[in-house]
N, C-alpha and C. Protein backbone atom coordinates (compact mmCIF):
# COMPACT_ATOMS: atom_id res chain seq x y z
N MET A 1 -79.49 5.68 -16.09
CA MET A 1 -79.22 5.23 -14.16
C MET A 1 -79.48 3.79 -13.94
N ALA A 2 -78.67 3.31 -13.36
CA ALA A 2 -78.69 2.08 -12.92
C ALA A 2 -80.16 2.23 -11.56
N GLU A 3 -81.02 1.12 -11.21
CA GLU A 3 -81.54 0.72 -10.43
C GLU A 3 -80.96 1.12 -9.06
N THR A 4 -79.33 0.49 -8.67
CA THR A 4 -78.95 0.34 -7.79
C THR A 4 -78.43 1.56 -7.37
N GLU A 5 -78.51 2.93 -7.94
CA GLU A 5 -77.85 3.97 -7.87
C GLU A 5 -78.83 4.81 -7.08
N THR A 6 -78.48 5.48 -5.93
CA THR A 6 -79.49 6.38 -5.03
C THR A 6 -79.68 7.67 -5.50
N LEU A 7 -80.69 8.54 -5.68
CA LEU A 7 -80.53 9.21 -6.28
C LEU A 7 -80.49 11.04 -5.01
N LYS A 8 -79.64 11.73 -5.46
CA LYS A 8 -79.32 12.62 -4.30
C LYS A 8 -80.54 13.80 -4.09
N VAL A 9 -80.96 13.80 -2.87
CA VAL A 9 -81.88 14.52 -2.23
C VAL A 9 -81.79 15.75 -2.07
N GLN A 10 -82.41 16.95 -2.98
CA GLN A 10 -81.86 18.25 -2.79
C GLN A 10 -82.64 18.52 -0.96
N ARG A 11 -81.79 18.98 -0.25
CA ARG A 11 -82.01 19.39 1.17
C ARG A 11 -81.59 20.52 1.34
N PRO A 12 -82.90 21.61 2.13
CA PRO A 12 -81.85 22.96 2.12
C PRO A 12 -80.95 23.22 3.26
N LEU A 13 -80.33 23.91 3.39
CA LEU A 13 -78.78 24.20 4.17
C LEU A 13 -79.30 24.76 5.10
N SER A 14 -78.44 24.37 6.33
CA SER A 14 -78.52 25.30 7.31
C SER A 14 -78.67 26.93 7.30
N PRO A 15 -79.65 27.68 8.03
CA PRO A 15 -79.09 29.03 8.01
C PRO A 15 -78.00 29.26 8.34
N HIS A 16 -76.95 30.43 7.81
CA HIS A 16 -76.12 31.08 7.82
C HIS A 16 -76.03 32.05 8.57
N ILE A 17 -74.93 32.44 9.73
CA ILE A 17 -74.96 33.66 10.04
C ILE A 17 -75.29 34.96 9.40
N SER A 18 -74.75 34.71 7.96
CA SER A 18 -74.72 36.03 7.11
C SER A 18 -76.06 35.98 6.70
N ILE A 19 -77.32 35.02 6.97
CA ILE A 19 -78.68 35.89 6.72
C ILE A 19 -79.10 36.47 7.47
N TYR A 20 -78.98 36.13 9.02
CA TYR A 20 -79.14 36.81 9.89
C TYR A 20 -79.06 38.57 10.07
N ARG A 21 -80.27 39.00 10.48
CA ARG A 21 -80.15 40.28 10.55
C ARG A 21 -79.64 40.62 12.23
N GLY A 22 -78.52 41.40 12.42
CA GLY A 22 -78.31 41.17 13.19
C GLY A 22 -79.48 42.40 14.59
N GLY A 23 -79.12 42.29 15.59
CA GLY A 23 -80.41 43.22 16.25
C GLY A 23 -79.39 43.37 17.60
N LEU A 24 -80.33 43.83 18.15
CA LEU A 24 -80.24 44.51 19.91
C LEU A 24 -79.94 43.05 20.63
N THR A 25 -81.11 41.85 20.75
CA THR A 25 -80.91 40.83 21.51
C THR A 25 -80.04 39.66 21.32
N MET A 26 -79.34 39.94 19.62
CA MET A 26 -78.27 39.31 19.19
C MET A 26 -77.23 39.40 20.13
N LEU A 27 -77.01 41.00 19.83
CA LEU A 27 -75.62 41.50 20.77
C LEU A 27 -75.88 41.46 22.39
N LEU A 28 -76.68 41.47 22.89
CA LEU A 28 -76.80 40.95 24.44
C LEU A 28 -76.79 39.51 24.92
N SER A 29 -77.26 38.70 23.71
CA SER A 29 -76.29 37.40 23.87
C SER A 29 -75.10 37.45 24.38
N ILE A 30 -74.70 37.68 23.31
CA ILE A 30 -73.13 37.60 23.42
C ILE A 30 -72.12 38.82 24.57
N VAL A 31 -73.00 40.22 24.63
CA VAL A 31 -72.76 40.29 25.74
C VAL A 31 -72.53 39.95 27.17
N HIS A 32 -73.73 39.19 27.06
CA HIS A 32 -74.16 38.31 28.50
C HIS A 32 -73.13 37.41 28.49
N ARG A 33 -72.71 36.65 27.14
CA ARG A 33 -71.94 35.11 27.61
C ARG A 33 -70.46 36.15 27.96
N ILE A 34 -70.21 37.21 27.24
CA ILE A 34 -68.38 38.14 27.38
C ILE A 34 -68.22 38.47 29.41
N THR A 35 -69.71 38.71 29.45
CA THR A 35 -69.60 39.39 30.90
C THR A 35 -69.77 38.38 31.62
N GLY A 36 -70.21 36.97 31.60
CA GLY A 36 -70.22 36.18 32.11
C GLY A 36 -68.99 35.64 32.49
N GLY A 37 -67.91 35.90 31.46
CA GLY A 37 -66.19 35.31 31.27
C GLY A 37 -65.95 36.66 32.27
N ALA A 38 -66.26 37.39 32.09
CA ALA A 38 -65.48 38.72 33.09
C ALA A 38 -65.73 38.65 34.37
N LEU A 39 -66.73 38.27 34.97
CA LEU A 39 -66.81 38.28 36.25
C LEU A 39 -65.93 36.71 37.08
N TYR A 40 -65.67 36.21 36.20
CA TYR A 40 -64.56 35.17 36.48
C TYR A 40 -63.17 35.75 37.34
N PHE A 41 -63.33 36.87 35.94
CA PHE A 41 -61.81 36.77 36.25
C PHE A 41 -62.00 38.53 37.96
N GLY A 42 -62.91 38.94 37.81
CA GLY A 42 -63.35 39.94 38.71
C GLY A 42 -63.56 39.00 39.95
N THR A 43 -64.04 38.16 40.09
CA THR A 43 -63.81 37.35 41.07
C THR A 43 -62.56 36.90 42.20
N LEU A 44 -61.71 37.08 41.07
CA LEU A 44 -59.67 37.23 41.51
C LEU A 44 -59.73 38.45 42.49
N LEU A 45 -60.28 39.49 41.81
CA LEU A 45 -60.22 41.00 42.42
C LEU A 45 -60.66 40.29 43.82
N LEU A 46 -61.92 39.94 44.38
CA LEU A 46 -62.43 39.43 45.32
C LEU A 46 -61.42 38.73 46.34
N ALA A 47 -61.36 37.86 45.29
CA ALA A 47 -60.12 36.71 46.59
C ALA A 47 -58.97 37.49 47.27
N TRP A 48 -58.47 38.55 46.18
CA TRP A 48 -57.45 39.15 46.30
C TRP A 48 -57.45 40.06 47.24
N TRP A 49 -58.74 40.49 47.19
CA TRP A 49 -59.11 41.62 48.24
C TRP A 49 -59.70 41.28 50.14
N LEU A 50 -59.84 39.92 49.87
CA LEU A 50 -60.13 38.97 51.12
C LEU A 50 -58.50 38.26 51.40
N ILE A 51 -57.33 37.91 50.64
CA ILE A 51 -56.28 37.34 50.73
C ILE A 51 -55.32 38.54 51.62
N ALA A 52 -55.56 39.72 50.97
CA ALA A 52 -54.91 40.90 51.38
C ALA A 52 -55.43 41.06 52.93
N ALA A 53 -56.37 41.14 53.15
CA ALA A 53 -57.60 41.94 54.28
C ALA A 53 -57.07 40.85 55.53
N ALA A 54 -56.45 39.63 55.33
CA ALA A 54 -56.46 38.14 55.84
C ALA A 54 -54.61 38.60 56.33
N THR A 55 -53.95 38.84 55.01
CA THR A 55 -52.32 38.45 55.42
C THR A 55 -52.13 39.62 56.56
N GLY A 56 -52.37 40.77 55.83
CA GLY A 56 -52.25 41.92 57.31
C GLY A 56 -52.04 43.18 56.69
N PRO A 57 -51.53 44.74 56.77
CA PRO A 57 -51.41 45.68 56.39
C PRO A 57 -50.72 46.13 55.60
N GLU A 58 -49.47 45.41 55.20
CA GLU A 58 -49.41 45.65 53.79
C GLU A 58 -48.97 45.37 52.88
N ALA A 59 -49.87 43.82 52.87
CA ALA A 59 -50.27 43.80 51.67
C ALA A 59 -51.89 44.35 51.53
N TYR A 60 -52.57 44.32 52.43
CA TYR A 60 -53.84 45.06 52.06
C TYR A 60 -53.60 46.70 51.58
N ALA A 61 -52.57 47.12 52.35
CA ALA A 61 -52.24 48.51 51.43
C ALA A 61 -51.40 48.43 49.69
N HIS A 62 -51.12 47.38 49.45
CA HIS A 62 -50.94 46.87 48.03
C HIS A 62 -52.50 46.76 47.22
N PHE A 63 -53.34 46.19 47.76
CA PHE A 63 -54.45 46.12 47.15
C PHE A 63 -55.00 47.02 47.13
N GLN A 64 -55.05 47.86 48.50
CA GLN A 64 -55.84 49.38 48.44
C GLN A 64 -55.35 50.33 47.21
N TRP A 65 -53.91 50.18 47.13
CA TRP A 65 -53.23 51.64 46.32
C TRP A 65 -53.62 51.10 44.90
N PHE A 66 -53.89 49.72 44.74
CA PHE A 66 -54.31 48.92 42.84
C PHE A 66 -55.88 49.90 43.22
N VAL A 67 -56.69 49.83 43.87
CA VAL A 67 -58.08 49.79 43.75
C VAL A 67 -58.63 51.72 43.35
N THR A 68 -57.42 51.97 44.49
CA THR A 68 -57.93 53.42 44.42
C THR A 68 -57.36 53.79 43.06
N SER A 69 -56.64 53.63 42.36
CA SER A 69 -56.10 53.81 41.02
C SER A 69 -56.89 54.26 39.87
N TRP A 70 -56.58 54.76 38.83
CA TRP A 70 -57.31 55.51 38.11
C TRP A 70 -57.49 54.34 37.18
N ILE A 71 -56.63 53.14 37.23
CA ILE A 71 -57.28 51.92 36.25
C ILE A 71 -57.86 50.78 37.13
N GLY A 72 -57.73 50.99 38.92
CA GLY A 72 -58.09 49.82 39.11
C GLY A 72 -59.52 50.25 39.72
N THR A 73 -59.78 51.80 39.44
CA THR A 73 -61.70 52.02 39.38
C THR A 73 -61.99 51.68 38.18
N LEU A 74 -62.02 51.46 37.24
CA LEU A 74 -61.94 51.41 35.93
C LEU A 74 -62.75 50.12 36.11
N VAL A 75 -61.50 49.23 36.41
CA VAL A 75 -61.70 48.13 36.49
C VAL A 75 -62.81 47.43 37.80
N LEU A 76 -62.98 48.73 38.53
CA LEU A 76 -64.41 47.93 39.62
C LEU A 76 -65.50 48.46 39.03
N VAL A 77 -65.40 49.54 38.23
CA VAL A 77 -66.63 50.29 37.63
C VAL A 77 -67.03 49.06 36.79
N GLY A 78 -66.20 48.50 35.56
CA GLY A 78 -66.17 47.32 34.74
C GLY A 78 -66.72 46.40 35.30
N TYR A 79 -66.25 45.65 36.60
CA TYR A 79 -67.16 44.77 37.27
C TYR A 79 -67.70 45.00 37.77
N THR A 80 -68.72 45.90 38.54
CA THR A 80 -70.15 46.83 38.90
C THR A 80 -70.83 46.37 37.55
N TRP A 81 -70.46 46.94 36.26
CA TRP A 81 -71.91 47.19 35.40
C TRP A 81 -71.37 45.05 34.22
N ALA A 82 -70.50 44.87 34.45
CA ALA A 82 -70.54 43.32 33.96
C ALA A 82 -71.70 42.23 34.88
N LEU A 83 -71.60 43.05 36.20
CA LEU A 83 -72.16 42.30 37.56
C LEU A 83 -73.63 42.48 37.26
N LEU A 84 -74.09 43.79 36.78
CA LEU A 84 -75.43 43.89 36.58
C LEU A 84 -76.07 43.61 35.66
N HIS A 85 -74.98 44.29 34.29
CA HIS A 85 -75.71 43.81 33.16
C HIS A 85 -76.05 42.02 32.90
N HIS A 86 -75.05 41.01 33.72
CA HIS A 86 -75.73 40.00 33.77
C HIS A 86 -77.12 39.69 34.01
N LEU A 87 -76.97 40.19 35.68
CA LEU A 87 -78.02 40.00 35.94
C LEU A 87 -79.48 40.10 35.35
N MET A 88 -79.13 41.24 34.21
CA MET A 88 -80.10 41.55 33.83
C MET A 88 -80.56 40.98 32.76
N GLY A 89 -79.66 39.90 32.20
CA GLY A 89 -79.61 39.19 30.87
C GLY A 89 -80.17 38.19 31.57
N GLY A 90 -79.62 37.55 33.24
CA GLY A 90 -79.98 36.08 33.48
C GLY A 90 -81.79 36.27 34.01
N LEU A 91 -82.24 38.10 34.39
CA LEU A 91 -83.75 37.82 34.81
C LEU A 91 -84.57 37.85 32.91
N ARG A 92 -83.91 38.54 32.42
CA ARG A 92 -84.58 38.65 30.59
C ARG A 92 -84.61 37.25 30.42
N HIS A 93 -83.69 36.44 30.51
CA HIS A 93 -83.70 34.91 30.07
C HIS A 93 -85.26 33.89 31.77
N PHE A 94 -84.82 34.30 32.25
CA PHE A 94 -85.57 33.85 33.59
C PHE A 94 -87.20 34.15 33.06
N MET A 95 -87.18 35.28 32.48
CA MET A 95 -89.15 35.48 31.99
C MET A 95 -89.16 34.47 30.83
N TRP A 96 -88.56 34.28 29.89
CA TRP A 96 -88.58 33.98 28.45
C TRP A 96 -88.99 32.07 29.59
N ASP A 97 -87.76 31.78 29.97
CA ASP A 97 -88.40 30.81 31.09
C ASP A 97 -89.68 29.84 31.54
N THR A 98 -90.05 31.53 31.69
CA THR A 98 -91.72 31.28 32.73
C THR A 98 -92.82 30.92 31.08
N GLY A 99 -91.59 31.64 29.66
CA GLY A 99 -93.39 31.71 28.90
C GLY A 99 -93.91 32.99 29.04
N THR A 100 -93.38 33.93 29.13
CA THR A 100 -93.73 35.29 28.72
C THR A 100 -92.82 36.13 28.20
N ALA A 101 -93.24 37.37 27.48
CA ALA A 101 -92.15 38.44 26.85
C ALA A 101 -92.01 37.58 25.76
N PHE A 102 -92.73 36.98 24.94
CA PHE A 102 -91.77 36.69 23.87
C PHE A 102 -92.32 37.30 22.27
N GLY A 103 -93.40 38.25 22.39
CA GLY A 103 -93.58 38.93 21.47
C GLY A 103 -92.53 40.03 21.30
N LEU A 104 -92.77 40.17 19.77
CA LEU A 104 -91.67 40.65 18.85
C LEU A 104 -91.51 42.24 20.06
N SER A 105 -92.46 43.53 20.01
CA SER A 105 -92.15 44.12 20.73
C SER A 105 -91.30 44.24 22.28
N THR A 106 -92.12 43.02 22.56
CA THR A 106 -91.71 42.82 24.60
C THR A 106 -90.46 42.36 24.69
N VAL A 107 -89.87 41.48 23.74
CA VAL A 107 -89.13 41.43 23.35
C VAL A 107 -87.21 42.45 23.23
N GLU A 108 -88.06 43.64 22.81
CA GLU A 108 -87.32 44.43 22.11
C GLU A 108 -87.13 45.70 23.50
N LEU A 109 -88.14 45.80 23.78
CA LEU A 109 -88.55 46.67 24.87
C LEU A 109 -87.72 45.98 25.88
N VAL A 110 -87.86 44.78 26.89
CA VAL A 110 -87.19 43.79 27.71
C VAL A 110 -85.34 44.70 27.44
N ALA A 111 -85.22 43.51 26.16
CA ALA A 111 -83.44 44.37 25.55
C ALA A 111 -83.27 45.82 26.19
N ARG A 112 -83.72 46.40 25.79
CA ARG A 112 -83.40 48.08 25.73
C ARG A 112 -83.31 48.33 27.10
N LEU A 113 -84.14 47.94 28.05
CA LEU A 113 -84.79 48.23 29.34
C LEU A 113 -83.48 47.43 30.12
N SER A 114 -83.28 46.41 29.45
CA SER A 114 -81.96 46.00 30.57
C SER A 114 -81.06 46.88 30.20
N VAL A 115 -80.46 46.78 29.22
CA VAL A 115 -79.31 47.99 29.03
C VAL A 115 -79.44 48.80 29.89
N VAL A 116 -80.58 49.90 29.49
CA VAL A 116 -80.87 51.12 30.33
C VAL A 116 -80.41 50.86 31.97
N LEU A 117 -80.90 49.71 32.30
CA LEU A 117 -81.00 49.49 33.73
C LEU A 117 -79.38 49.04 34.26
N SER A 118 -78.78 47.95 33.38
CA SER A 118 -77.72 47.98 34.24
C SER A 118 -76.79 49.03 34.03
N PHE A 119 -76.54 50.38 33.22
CA PHE A 119 -76.15 51.28 33.08
C PHE A 119 -76.20 52.03 34.60
N SER A 120 -78.08 52.63 34.38
CA SER A 120 -78.35 53.34 35.87
C SER A 120 -78.16 52.32 36.73
N LEU A 121 -78.17 51.39 36.78
CA LEU A 121 -77.71 50.53 38.59
C LEU A 121 -76.28 50.89 39.18
N THR A 122 -75.26 51.09 38.03
CA THR A 122 -74.11 50.34 38.00
C THR A 122 -73.89 52.19 38.49
N GLY A 123 -73.81 53.10 38.20
CA GLY A 123 -74.14 55.06 38.13
C GLY A 123 -74.22 54.68 39.87
N VAL A 124 -75.85 54.33 40.42
CA VAL A 124 -76.66 54.17 41.26
C VAL A 124 -75.47 53.76 42.24
N VAL A 125 -75.26 52.61 42.17
CA VAL A 125 -74.29 51.64 43.26
C VAL A 125 -72.79 52.86 43.46
N TRP A 126 -72.54 53.43 42.48
CA TRP A 126 -71.27 53.80 42.69
C TRP A 126 -71.50 55.18 43.22
N VAL A 127 -72.75 56.04 42.64
CA VAL A 127 -72.80 57.14 44.28
C VAL A 127 -73.13 56.79 45.57
N LEU A 128 -73.84 55.62 45.35
CA LEU A 128 -74.43 55.33 46.69
C LEU A 128 -73.12 55.02 47.97
N GLY A 129 -72.30 54.25 46.85
CA GLY A 129 -70.64 54.04 47.67
C GLY A 129 -70.07 54.93 47.93
N TYR A 130 -69.65 56.17 47.32
CA TYR A 130 -68.80 57.56 47.04
C TYR A 130 -69.95 58.46 48.32
N TYR A 131 -71.36 57.78 48.41
CA TYR A 131 -71.95 59.20 49.00
C TYR A 131 -71.92 58.40 50.57
N MET A 132 -71.65 57.14 50.71
CA MET A 132 -71.72 56.08 52.04
C MET A 132 -69.99 55.80 52.34
N ALA A 133 -68.96 56.79 51.65
CA ALA A 133 -67.59 57.12 51.79
C ALA A 133 -67.51 57.91 52.66
N GLY A 134 -68.50 58.85 52.49
CA GLY A 134 -67.92 60.38 53.01
C GLY A 134 -67.15 60.96 51.53
N ALA A 135 -67.79 60.78 50.64
CA ALA A 135 -66.85 61.72 49.37
C ALA A 135 -67.57 62.92 48.93
N PHE A 136 -69.26 62.71 49.41
CA PHE A 136 -70.25 63.83 48.69
C PHE A 136 -70.12 64.53 49.89
């Protein structure tokens, strides 16, 4: 080998997704991004509501028909859950930004708690909403 030739240095490869073991925190990170995107589309519903209310009774009746249908209710429940799940994920990341809750057991506990709270708070919001509307 000539002296002008360079030797190839064997460097480690970057970790690939196939060597990571998926866990709850990885899943919640992905779902956090998905719910963030879903909130953009849910905001269109809020805009539709406001525009319909400003336009008049007929436009509002169309909106009201949609949100009281089973598909509209499902969309609204999903939007509520996405909002609350995204909030819980944001609070989880805020804790990490302050330098706390980095222990493996704490990370797992907070992840499980954020899932439970997002579903529980969604139920609480909808039960209170129906209660305040006089449905109960």
